[in-house]
N, C-alpha and C. Protein backbone atom coordinates (compact mmCIF):
# COMPACT_ATOMS: atom_id res chain seq x y z
N MET A 1 -55.19 -30.10 -29.31
CA MET A 1 -54.12 -29.17 -29.01
C MET A 1 -52.78 -29.91 -28.87
N ARG A 2 -52.83 -31.03 -28.17
CA ARG A 2 -51.61 -31.81 -27.96
C ARG A 2 -51.07 -32.32 -29.30
N LEU A 3 -51.95 -32.73 -30.20
CA LEU A 3 -51.53 -33.22 -31.53
C LEU A 3 -50.89 -32.09 -32.33
N LEU A 4 -51.47 -30.90 -32.27
CA LEU A 4 -50.91 -29.75 -32.97
C LEU A 4 -49.51 -29.43 -32.45
N LEU A 5 -49.33 -29.44 -31.16
CA LEU A 5 -48.01 -29.19 -30.57
C LEU A 5 -47.01 -30.25 -31.01
N LEU A 6 -47.42 -31.51 -31.02
CA LEU A 6 -46.54 -32.58 -31.46
C LEU A 6 -46.15 -32.40 -32.93
N MET A 7 -47.10 -32.00 -33.77
CA MET A 7 -46.81 -31.78 -35.19
C MET A 7 -45.82 -30.63 -35.36
N LEU A 8 -45.99 -29.55 -34.61
CA LEU A 8 -45.08 -28.42 -34.71
C LEU A 8 -43.67 -28.79 -34.26
N LEU A 9 -43.58 -29.59 -33.21
CA LEU A 9 -42.26 -30.02 -32.73
C LEU A 9 -41.60 -31.00 -33.69
N ALA A 10 -42.39 -31.82 -34.37
CA ALA A 10 -41.83 -32.84 -35.27
C ALA A 10 -41.52 -32.29 -36.65
N ALA A 11 -42.08 -31.15 -37.03
CA ALA A 11 -41.92 -30.62 -38.39
C ALA A 11 -40.47 -30.50 -38.83
N PRO A 12 -39.56 -29.95 -38.02
CA PRO A 12 -38.17 -29.85 -38.49
C PRO A 12 -37.54 -31.21 -38.77
N PHE A 13 -37.90 -32.21 -37.97
CA PHE A 13 -37.33 -33.55 -38.18
C PHE A 13 -37.91 -34.21 -39.42
N LEU A 14 -39.19 -33.99 -39.68
CA LEU A 14 -39.80 -34.53 -40.89
C LEU A 14 -39.23 -33.86 -42.12
N ALA A 15 -39.00 -32.56 -42.06
CA ALA A 15 -38.41 -31.85 -43.20
C ALA A 15 -37.00 -32.35 -43.46
N ALA A 16 -36.25 -32.64 -42.39
CA ALA A 16 -34.88 -33.14 -42.58
C ALA A 16 -34.90 -34.53 -43.22
N ALA A 17 -35.89 -35.35 -42.87
CA ALA A 17 -35.97 -36.69 -43.44
C ALA A 17 -36.41 -36.63 -44.90
N GLN A 18 -37.17 -35.62 -45.27
CA GLN A 18 -37.67 -35.47 -46.63
C GLN A 18 -37.32 -34.05 -47.10
N PRO A 19 -36.04 -33.81 -47.47
CA PRO A 19 -35.61 -32.45 -47.74
C PRO A 19 -36.22 -31.83 -49.00
N LEU A 20 -36.56 -32.64 -49.98
CA LEU A 20 -37.12 -32.09 -51.21
C LEU A 20 -38.59 -32.49 -51.32
N GLN A 21 -39.45 -31.50 -51.29
CA GLN A 21 -40.87 -31.77 -51.39
C GLN A 21 -41.28 -31.84 -52.86
N PRO A 22 -42.01 -32.89 -53.25
CA PRO A 22 -42.47 -32.96 -54.64
C PRO A 22 -43.30 -31.73 -54.99
N TRP A 23 -43.09 -31.20 -56.17
CA TRP A 23 -43.83 -30.03 -56.63
C TRP A 23 -45.21 -30.46 -57.07
N ARG A 24 -46.22 -29.83 -56.54
CA ARG A 24 -47.60 -30.17 -56.86
C ARG A 24 -48.29 -29.03 -57.62
N GLY A 25 -47.55 -27.97 -57.89
CA GLY A 25 -48.14 -26.82 -58.57
C GLY A 25 -48.08 -26.96 -60.08
N GLU A 26 -48.39 -25.88 -60.72
CA GLU A 26 -48.38 -25.84 -62.18
C GLU A 26 -46.97 -25.55 -62.68
N ARG A 27 -46.85 -25.52 -63.99
CA ARG A 27 -45.58 -25.16 -64.61
C ARG A 27 -45.20 -23.75 -64.17
N LEU A 28 -43.93 -23.51 -64.03
CA LEU A 28 -43.45 -22.19 -63.62
C LEU A 28 -43.11 -21.38 -64.86
N PRO A 29 -43.26 -20.06 -64.80
CA PRO A 29 -43.01 -19.24 -65.99
C PRO A 29 -41.53 -19.20 -66.36
N PRO A 30 -41.24 -19.09 -67.64
CA PRO A 30 -39.84 -18.96 -68.07
C PRO A 30 -39.28 -17.62 -67.59
N PHE A 31 -37.96 -17.52 -67.58
CA PHE A 31 -37.36 -16.23 -67.25
C PHE A 31 -36.11 -16.01 -68.08
N GLU A 32 -35.76 -14.74 -68.18
CA GLU A 32 -34.50 -14.28 -68.77
C GLU A 32 -33.93 -13.27 -67.81
N LEU A 33 -32.75 -13.58 -67.27
CA LEU A 33 -32.12 -12.69 -66.30
C LEU A 33 -30.65 -12.54 -66.64
N ASP A 34 -30.11 -11.39 -66.28
CA ASP A 34 -28.68 -11.17 -66.46
C ASP A 34 -27.94 -11.73 -65.25
N ALA A 35 -26.76 -12.25 -65.54
CA ALA A 35 -25.88 -12.71 -64.47
C ALA A 35 -25.03 -11.55 -63.98
N LEU A 36 -24.41 -11.76 -62.86
CA LEU A 36 -23.53 -10.74 -62.29
C LEU A 36 -22.42 -10.36 -63.26
N ASP A 37 -22.00 -11.32 -64.09
CA ASP A 37 -20.94 -11.03 -65.07
C ASP A 37 -21.48 -10.41 -66.36
N GLY A 38 -22.79 -10.14 -66.42
CA GLY A 38 -23.40 -9.48 -67.57
C GLY A 38 -23.98 -10.40 -68.63
N THR A 39 -23.73 -11.69 -68.53
CA THR A 39 -24.30 -12.60 -69.53
C THR A 39 -25.78 -12.82 -69.27
N ARG A 40 -26.52 -13.00 -70.35
CA ARG A 40 -27.97 -13.23 -70.27
C ARG A 40 -28.24 -14.72 -70.15
N HIS A 41 -29.09 -15.09 -69.21
CA HIS A 41 -29.46 -16.49 -69.00
C HIS A 41 -30.96 -16.65 -69.22
N ARG A 42 -31.30 -17.52 -70.16
CA ARG A 42 -32.70 -17.88 -70.39
C ARG A 42 -32.91 -19.29 -69.86
N LEU A 43 -33.96 -19.47 -69.09
CA LEU A 43 -34.23 -20.79 -68.53
C LEU A 43 -34.32 -21.83 -69.65
N ALA A 44 -34.90 -21.45 -70.77
CA ALA A 44 -35.06 -22.38 -71.90
C ALA A 44 -33.72 -22.88 -72.43
N ASP A 45 -32.65 -22.14 -72.23
CA ASP A 45 -31.33 -22.56 -72.71
C ASP A 45 -30.81 -23.80 -71.99
N TYR A 46 -31.43 -24.16 -70.90
CA TYR A 46 -30.95 -25.28 -70.09
C TYR A 46 -31.76 -26.56 -70.29
N ARG A 47 -32.60 -26.60 -71.31
CA ARG A 47 -33.33 -27.84 -71.61
C ARG A 47 -32.34 -28.96 -71.79
N GLY A 48 -32.68 -30.13 -71.30
CA GLY A 48 -31.77 -31.27 -71.37
C GLY A 48 -30.93 -31.42 -70.11
N LYS A 49 -31.02 -30.45 -69.21
CA LYS A 49 -30.28 -30.51 -67.95
C LYS A 49 -31.25 -30.42 -66.78
N VAL A 50 -30.86 -31.00 -65.67
CA VAL A 50 -31.57 -30.76 -64.42
C VAL A 50 -31.12 -29.38 -63.94
N VAL A 51 -32.08 -28.53 -63.59
CA VAL A 51 -31.77 -27.15 -63.21
C VAL A 51 -32.23 -26.91 -61.77
N LEU A 52 -31.31 -26.45 -60.95
CA LEU A 52 -31.63 -26.05 -59.60
C LEU A 52 -31.69 -24.52 -59.60
N VAL A 53 -32.86 -23.96 -59.30
CA VAL A 53 -33.05 -22.51 -59.25
C VAL A 53 -33.22 -22.14 -57.78
N ASN A 54 -32.26 -21.37 -57.27
CA ASN A 54 -32.24 -20.99 -55.86
C ASN A 54 -32.45 -19.48 -55.74
N PHE A 55 -33.50 -19.08 -55.03
CA PHE A 55 -33.77 -17.66 -54.77
C PHE A 55 -33.13 -17.31 -53.43
N TRP A 56 -32.30 -16.27 -53.41
CA TRP A 56 -31.50 -15.94 -52.23
C TRP A 56 -31.22 -14.45 -52.16
N ALA A 57 -30.65 -14.03 -51.04
CA ALA A 57 -30.15 -12.66 -50.86
C ALA A 57 -28.98 -12.72 -49.88
N SER A 58 -28.04 -11.80 -50.03
CA SER A 58 -26.85 -11.83 -49.18
C SER A 58 -27.15 -11.44 -47.74
N TRP A 59 -28.24 -10.72 -47.49
CA TRP A 59 -28.59 -10.34 -46.12
C TRP A 59 -29.30 -11.48 -45.38
N CYS A 60 -29.64 -12.56 -46.09
CA CYS A 60 -30.39 -13.69 -45.54
C CYS A 60 -29.41 -14.72 -44.96
N GLY A 61 -29.42 -14.87 -43.64
CA GLY A 61 -28.51 -15.80 -42.97
C GLY A 61 -28.62 -17.23 -43.48
N PRO A 62 -29.82 -17.81 -43.58
CA PRO A 62 -29.93 -19.17 -44.11
C PRO A 62 -29.43 -19.29 -45.55
N CYS A 63 -29.61 -18.23 -46.34
CA CYS A 63 -29.09 -18.24 -47.72
C CYS A 63 -27.58 -18.34 -47.71
N ARG A 64 -26.96 -17.52 -46.89
CA ARG A 64 -25.49 -17.54 -46.78
C ARG A 64 -25.01 -18.90 -46.29
N ALA A 65 -25.74 -19.49 -45.35
CA ALA A 65 -25.33 -20.77 -44.76
C ALA A 65 -25.33 -21.90 -45.78
N GLU A 66 -26.26 -21.88 -46.73
CA GLU A 66 -26.35 -23.00 -47.66
C GLU A 66 -25.49 -22.84 -48.92
N MET A 67 -24.94 -21.66 -49.15
CA MET A 67 -24.16 -21.44 -50.38
C MET A 67 -22.97 -22.39 -50.54
N PRO A 68 -22.18 -22.65 -49.50
CA PRO A 68 -21.07 -23.59 -49.69
C PRO A 68 -21.55 -24.99 -50.11
N SER A 69 -22.69 -25.44 -49.57
CA SER A 69 -23.17 -26.77 -49.96
C SER A 69 -23.75 -26.76 -51.38
N LEU A 70 -24.31 -25.64 -51.82
CA LEU A 70 -24.75 -25.53 -53.22
C LEU A 70 -23.54 -25.63 -54.15
N GLN A 71 -22.44 -24.97 -53.76
CA GLN A 71 -21.23 -25.06 -54.58
C GLN A 71 -20.68 -26.48 -54.57
N ALA A 72 -20.72 -27.15 -53.42
CA ALA A 72 -20.25 -28.54 -53.33
C ALA A 72 -21.10 -29.45 -54.21
N LEU A 73 -22.42 -29.23 -54.23
CA LEU A 73 -23.30 -30.01 -55.10
C LEU A 73 -22.95 -29.77 -56.56
N ALA A 74 -22.81 -28.51 -56.93
CA ALA A 74 -22.47 -28.17 -58.32
C ALA A 74 -21.14 -28.81 -58.70
N ASP A 75 -20.17 -28.78 -57.81
CA ASP A 75 -18.87 -29.39 -58.10
C ASP A 75 -18.99 -30.89 -58.27
N SER A 76 -19.79 -31.53 -57.42
CA SER A 76 -19.91 -32.99 -57.47
C SER A 76 -20.64 -33.47 -58.73
N LEU A 77 -21.44 -32.62 -59.34
CA LEU A 77 -22.20 -32.99 -60.54
C LEU A 77 -21.69 -32.25 -61.78
N GLU A 78 -20.48 -31.72 -61.70
CA GLU A 78 -19.91 -30.89 -62.76
C GLU A 78 -19.89 -31.59 -64.12
N ALA A 79 -19.64 -32.88 -64.16
CA ALA A 79 -19.54 -33.60 -65.43
C ALA A 79 -20.90 -34.13 -65.91
N GLU A 80 -21.97 -33.79 -65.20
CA GLU A 80 -23.30 -34.31 -65.53
C GLU A 80 -24.20 -33.19 -66.03
N PRO A 81 -25.34 -33.53 -66.63
CA PRO A 81 -26.25 -32.50 -67.15
C PRO A 81 -27.03 -31.82 -66.01
N PHE A 82 -26.33 -30.92 -65.34
CA PHE A 82 -26.88 -30.27 -64.15
C PHE A 82 -26.33 -28.86 -64.07
N VAL A 83 -27.16 -27.92 -63.62
CA VAL A 83 -26.73 -26.54 -63.48
C VAL A 83 -27.44 -25.90 -62.28
N VAL A 84 -26.71 -25.02 -61.60
CA VAL A 84 -27.27 -24.23 -60.51
C VAL A 84 -27.41 -22.80 -61.01
N LEU A 85 -28.61 -22.25 -60.86
CA LEU A 85 -28.87 -20.84 -61.17
C LEU A 85 -29.32 -20.18 -59.87
N ALA A 86 -28.48 -19.36 -59.29
CA ALA A 86 -28.78 -18.68 -58.04
C ALA A 86 -29.32 -17.29 -58.36
N VAL A 87 -30.60 -17.08 -58.09
CA VAL A 87 -31.28 -15.83 -58.43
C VAL A 87 -31.32 -14.94 -57.19
N ASN A 88 -30.54 -13.86 -57.23
CA ASN A 88 -30.51 -12.92 -56.13
C ASN A 88 -31.74 -12.04 -56.19
N VAL A 89 -32.43 -11.93 -55.07
CA VAL A 89 -33.71 -11.23 -55.01
C VAL A 89 -33.54 -9.83 -54.42
N GLY A 90 -33.73 -8.83 -55.27
CA GLY A 90 -33.86 -7.46 -54.81
C GLY A 90 -32.60 -6.71 -54.43
N GLU A 91 -31.42 -7.28 -54.65
CA GLU A 91 -30.20 -6.58 -54.27
C GLU A 91 -29.51 -5.99 -55.50
N THR A 92 -28.64 -5.07 -55.25
CA THR A 92 -27.86 -4.47 -56.33
C THR A 92 -26.71 -5.38 -56.71
N PRO A 93 -26.21 -5.25 -57.93
CA PRO A 93 -25.02 -6.01 -58.31
C PRO A 93 -23.83 -5.73 -57.39
N GLU A 94 -23.74 -4.52 -56.86
CA GLU A 94 -22.64 -4.18 -55.96
C GLU A 94 -22.72 -5.01 -54.67
N ALA A 95 -23.91 -5.15 -54.12
CA ALA A 95 -24.08 -5.97 -52.91
C ALA A 95 -23.74 -7.42 -53.19
N MET A 96 -24.14 -7.89 -54.37
CA MET A 96 -23.81 -9.27 -54.75
C MET A 96 -22.30 -9.45 -54.89
N ARG A 97 -21.64 -8.49 -55.54
CA ARG A 97 -20.19 -8.59 -55.72
C ARG A 97 -19.46 -8.62 -54.38
N ALA A 98 -19.92 -7.81 -53.43
CA ALA A 98 -19.30 -7.79 -52.11
C ALA A 98 -19.45 -9.16 -51.44
N PHE A 99 -20.60 -9.78 -51.60
CA PHE A 99 -20.83 -11.11 -51.03
C PHE A 99 -19.93 -12.15 -51.69
N VAL A 100 -19.88 -12.13 -53.02
CA VAL A 100 -19.10 -13.12 -53.77
C VAL A 100 -17.61 -12.93 -53.51
N HIS A 101 -17.21 -11.71 -53.21
CA HIS A 101 -15.80 -11.47 -52.86
C HIS A 101 -15.43 -12.23 -51.58
N ARG A 102 -16.38 -12.28 -50.64
CA ARG A 102 -16.15 -12.99 -49.37
C ARG A 102 -16.35 -14.49 -49.50
N MET A 103 -17.24 -14.91 -50.42
CA MET A 103 -17.56 -16.32 -50.59
C MET A 103 -17.56 -16.64 -52.09
N PRO A 104 -16.43 -17.00 -52.64
CA PRO A 104 -16.36 -17.27 -54.08
C PRO A 104 -17.29 -18.40 -54.50
N LEU A 105 -18.11 -18.12 -55.48
CA LEU A 105 -19.05 -19.10 -56.02
C LEU A 105 -18.84 -19.17 -57.53
N ARG A 106 -18.90 -20.37 -58.07
CA ARG A 106 -18.63 -20.55 -59.50
C ARG A 106 -19.88 -20.82 -60.33
N PHE A 107 -21.04 -20.97 -59.70
CA PHE A 107 -22.26 -21.16 -60.48
C PHE A 107 -22.84 -19.80 -60.87
N ALA A 108 -23.82 -19.82 -61.75
CA ALA A 108 -24.39 -18.58 -62.27
C ALA A 108 -25.13 -17.82 -61.18
N LEU A 109 -24.77 -16.55 -61.01
CA LEU A 109 -25.42 -15.66 -60.05
C LEU A 109 -26.25 -14.65 -60.84
N LEU A 110 -27.56 -14.84 -60.82
CA LEU A 110 -28.47 -14.02 -61.61
C LEU A 110 -29.05 -12.90 -60.77
N VAL A 111 -29.36 -11.80 -61.44
CA VAL A 111 -29.85 -10.59 -60.77
C VAL A 111 -31.34 -10.42 -61.05
N ASP A 112 -32.14 -10.36 -59.97
CA ASP A 112 -33.58 -10.12 -60.05
C ASP A 112 -33.88 -8.90 -59.18
N PRO A 113 -33.45 -7.68 -59.63
CA PRO A 113 -33.49 -6.50 -58.76
C PRO A 113 -34.89 -6.12 -58.27
N GLY A 114 -35.89 -6.30 -59.07
CA GLY A 114 -37.24 -5.95 -58.65
C GLY A 114 -38.01 -7.12 -58.08
N ALA A 115 -37.37 -8.27 -57.92
CA ALA A 115 -37.98 -9.50 -57.39
C ALA A 115 -39.15 -9.98 -58.25
N THR A 116 -39.17 -9.58 -59.51
CA THR A 116 -40.26 -9.97 -60.41
C THR A 116 -40.29 -11.48 -60.62
N THR A 117 -39.13 -12.07 -60.87
CA THR A 117 -39.08 -13.52 -61.10
C THR A 117 -39.40 -14.28 -59.81
N ALA A 118 -38.87 -13.83 -58.70
CA ALA A 118 -39.16 -14.48 -57.42
C ALA A 118 -40.66 -14.48 -57.15
N ARG A 119 -41.32 -13.38 -57.38
CA ARG A 119 -42.78 -13.31 -57.17
C ARG A 119 -43.51 -14.23 -58.13
N ALA A 120 -43.10 -14.23 -59.40
CA ALA A 120 -43.76 -15.08 -60.40
C ALA A 120 -43.62 -16.56 -60.06
N TRP A 121 -42.53 -16.92 -59.40
CA TRP A 121 -42.31 -18.32 -59.02
C TRP A 121 -42.85 -18.64 -57.63
N GLY A 122 -43.41 -17.66 -56.93
CA GLY A 122 -43.97 -17.90 -55.61
C GLY A 122 -42.94 -18.07 -54.52
N ALA A 123 -41.76 -17.50 -54.70
CA ALA A 123 -40.70 -17.58 -53.68
C ALA A 123 -40.96 -16.48 -52.66
N ARG A 124 -41.77 -16.80 -51.67
CA ARG A 124 -42.18 -15.81 -50.67
C ARG A 124 -41.23 -15.76 -49.47
N ALA A 125 -40.41 -16.79 -49.33
CA ALA A 125 -39.42 -16.84 -48.24
C ALA A 125 -38.07 -17.14 -48.88
N LEU A 126 -37.02 -16.72 -48.21
CA LEU A 126 -35.67 -16.99 -48.71
C LEU A 126 -34.92 -17.84 -47.71
N PRO A 127 -34.14 -18.78 -48.17
CA PRO A 127 -34.05 -19.22 -49.56
C PRO A 127 -35.21 -20.13 -49.94
N THR A 128 -35.57 -20.10 -51.20
CA THR A 128 -36.51 -21.05 -51.79
C THR A 128 -35.85 -21.62 -53.03
N THR A 129 -35.90 -22.93 -53.16
CA THR A 129 -35.21 -23.61 -54.25
C THR A 129 -36.17 -24.52 -54.99
N PHE A 130 -36.07 -24.50 -56.31
CA PHE A 130 -36.86 -25.38 -57.18
C PHE A 130 -35.89 -26.23 -57.98
N ILE A 131 -36.27 -27.46 -58.24
CA ILE A 131 -35.47 -28.34 -59.10
C ILE A 131 -36.36 -28.76 -60.26
N LEU A 132 -35.85 -28.48 -61.46
CA LEU A 132 -36.58 -28.80 -62.69
C LEU A 132 -35.92 -29.98 -63.39
N ASP A 133 -36.74 -30.81 -64.03
CA ASP A 133 -36.20 -31.94 -64.77
C ASP A 133 -35.68 -31.47 -66.13
N PRO A 134 -35.08 -32.36 -66.91
CA PRO A 134 -34.50 -31.94 -68.20
C PRO A 134 -35.50 -31.36 -69.20
N GLU A 135 -36.78 -31.62 -68.99
CA GLU A 135 -37.82 -31.05 -69.86
C GLU A 135 -38.29 -29.69 -69.36
N GLY A 136 -37.74 -29.22 -68.26
CA GLY A 136 -38.11 -27.92 -67.71
C GLY A 136 -39.30 -27.97 -66.78
N ARG A 137 -39.74 -29.16 -66.42
CA ARG A 137 -40.88 -29.30 -65.50
C ARG A 137 -40.40 -29.24 -64.06
N PRO A 138 -41.05 -28.44 -63.22
CA PRO A 138 -40.67 -28.40 -61.81
C PRO A 138 -41.00 -29.74 -61.15
N ARG A 139 -40.03 -30.30 -60.44
CA ARG A 139 -40.23 -31.60 -59.79
C ARG A 139 -40.17 -31.51 -58.27
N TYR A 140 -39.32 -30.61 -57.74
CA TYR A 140 -39.17 -30.47 -56.30
C TYR A 140 -39.06 -29.01 -55.92
N ARG A 141 -39.39 -28.76 -54.65
CA ARG A 141 -39.21 -27.43 -54.06
C ARG A 141 -38.73 -27.62 -52.63
N HIS A 142 -37.91 -26.69 -52.20
CA HIS A 142 -37.50 -26.68 -50.80
C HIS A 142 -37.47 -25.23 -50.33
N VAL A 143 -38.09 -24.98 -49.19
CA VAL A 143 -38.08 -23.65 -48.57
C VAL A 143 -37.20 -23.72 -47.33
N GLY A 144 -36.23 -22.82 -47.26
CA GLY A 144 -35.30 -22.80 -46.14
C GLY A 144 -33.94 -23.32 -46.58
N ASP A 145 -32.98 -23.22 -45.68
CA ASP A 145 -31.64 -23.68 -46.04
C ASP A 145 -31.57 -25.19 -45.94
N LEU A 146 -30.61 -25.74 -46.67
CA LEU A 146 -30.46 -27.19 -46.74
C LEU A 146 -29.00 -27.50 -47.01
N ASP A 147 -28.54 -28.63 -46.53
CA ASP A 147 -27.22 -29.11 -46.89
C ASP A 147 -27.37 -29.82 -48.23
N TRP A 148 -27.10 -29.09 -49.30
CA TRP A 148 -27.30 -29.61 -50.66
C TRP A 148 -26.29 -30.68 -51.04
N ALA A 149 -25.25 -30.84 -50.26
CA ALA A 149 -24.21 -31.82 -50.58
C ALA A 149 -24.53 -33.20 -50.01
N GLN A 150 -25.63 -33.34 -49.27
CA GLN A 150 -25.93 -34.64 -48.69
C GLN A 150 -26.30 -35.66 -49.78
N PRO A 151 -25.90 -36.91 -49.60
CA PRO A 151 -26.11 -37.93 -50.63
C PRO A 151 -27.57 -38.11 -51.06
N ALA A 152 -28.53 -37.99 -50.15
CA ALA A 152 -29.93 -38.19 -50.51
C ALA A 152 -30.38 -37.16 -51.54
N VAL A 153 -29.91 -35.94 -51.41
CA VAL A 153 -30.27 -34.89 -52.37
C VAL A 153 -29.64 -35.18 -53.73
N ARG A 154 -28.38 -35.51 -53.72
CA ARG A 154 -27.68 -35.82 -54.97
C ARG A 154 -28.34 -37.01 -55.68
N THR A 155 -28.77 -38.02 -54.93
CA THR A 155 -29.44 -39.19 -55.51
C THR A 155 -30.74 -38.78 -56.20
N ARG A 156 -31.51 -37.93 -55.57
CA ARG A 156 -32.77 -37.46 -56.19
C ARG A 156 -32.51 -36.67 -57.47
N ILE A 157 -31.50 -35.84 -57.43
CA ILE A 157 -31.16 -35.04 -58.61
C ILE A 157 -30.69 -35.93 -59.74
N ARG A 158 -29.83 -36.88 -59.43
CA ARG A 158 -29.35 -37.82 -60.46
C ARG A 158 -30.49 -38.62 -61.06
N ALA A 159 -31.47 -39.00 -60.24
CA ALA A 159 -32.62 -39.76 -60.74
C ALA A 159 -33.38 -38.95 -61.79
N LEU A 160 -33.42 -37.63 -61.64
CA LEU A 160 -34.11 -36.79 -62.63
C LEU A 160 -33.38 -36.75 -63.97
N MET A 161 -32.09 -37.03 -63.97
CA MET A 161 -31.32 -36.98 -65.20
C MET A 161 -31.73 -38.08 -66.17
N THR A 162 -32.39 -39.10 -65.68
CA THR A 162 -32.81 -40.21 -66.52
C THR A 162 -34.30 -40.16 -66.85
N VAL A 163 -34.97 -39.10 -66.45
CA VAL A 163 -36.42 -38.97 -66.69
C VAL A 163 -36.67 -38.67 -68.14
């Protein structure tokens, strides 16, 4: 019992020390989703780039909290083969627009109104983020909010660019 309590208390600190968990699952299914601006995004179109796929919703406090750091990460890697695809789960485009009006974001905001893609990818909690290598293979996953602008995260992402 004492060991279980110690593990539960230490879990947040261990997660902070290792923010990106290596992906141990199978390949994730491809998707095609429309962006808030109406453009169609196919995951396959991003081959050759490291792709960060973030499942989020505007009503989710941790999702809102990490958005500025996702934008900072995207800005810091703007000249590199990297892209952020933020997949909104279950909300209307109007709700997304209201959120983006308050928090301007420049990365792709994709619409998954029926949460079909989120379910197919196993995103059972929000936010959930996957990082794929340039070949489209999932390499990391993170559940919960994260400061995406921290150097350790950027270093891991850059390392995937040479895979």
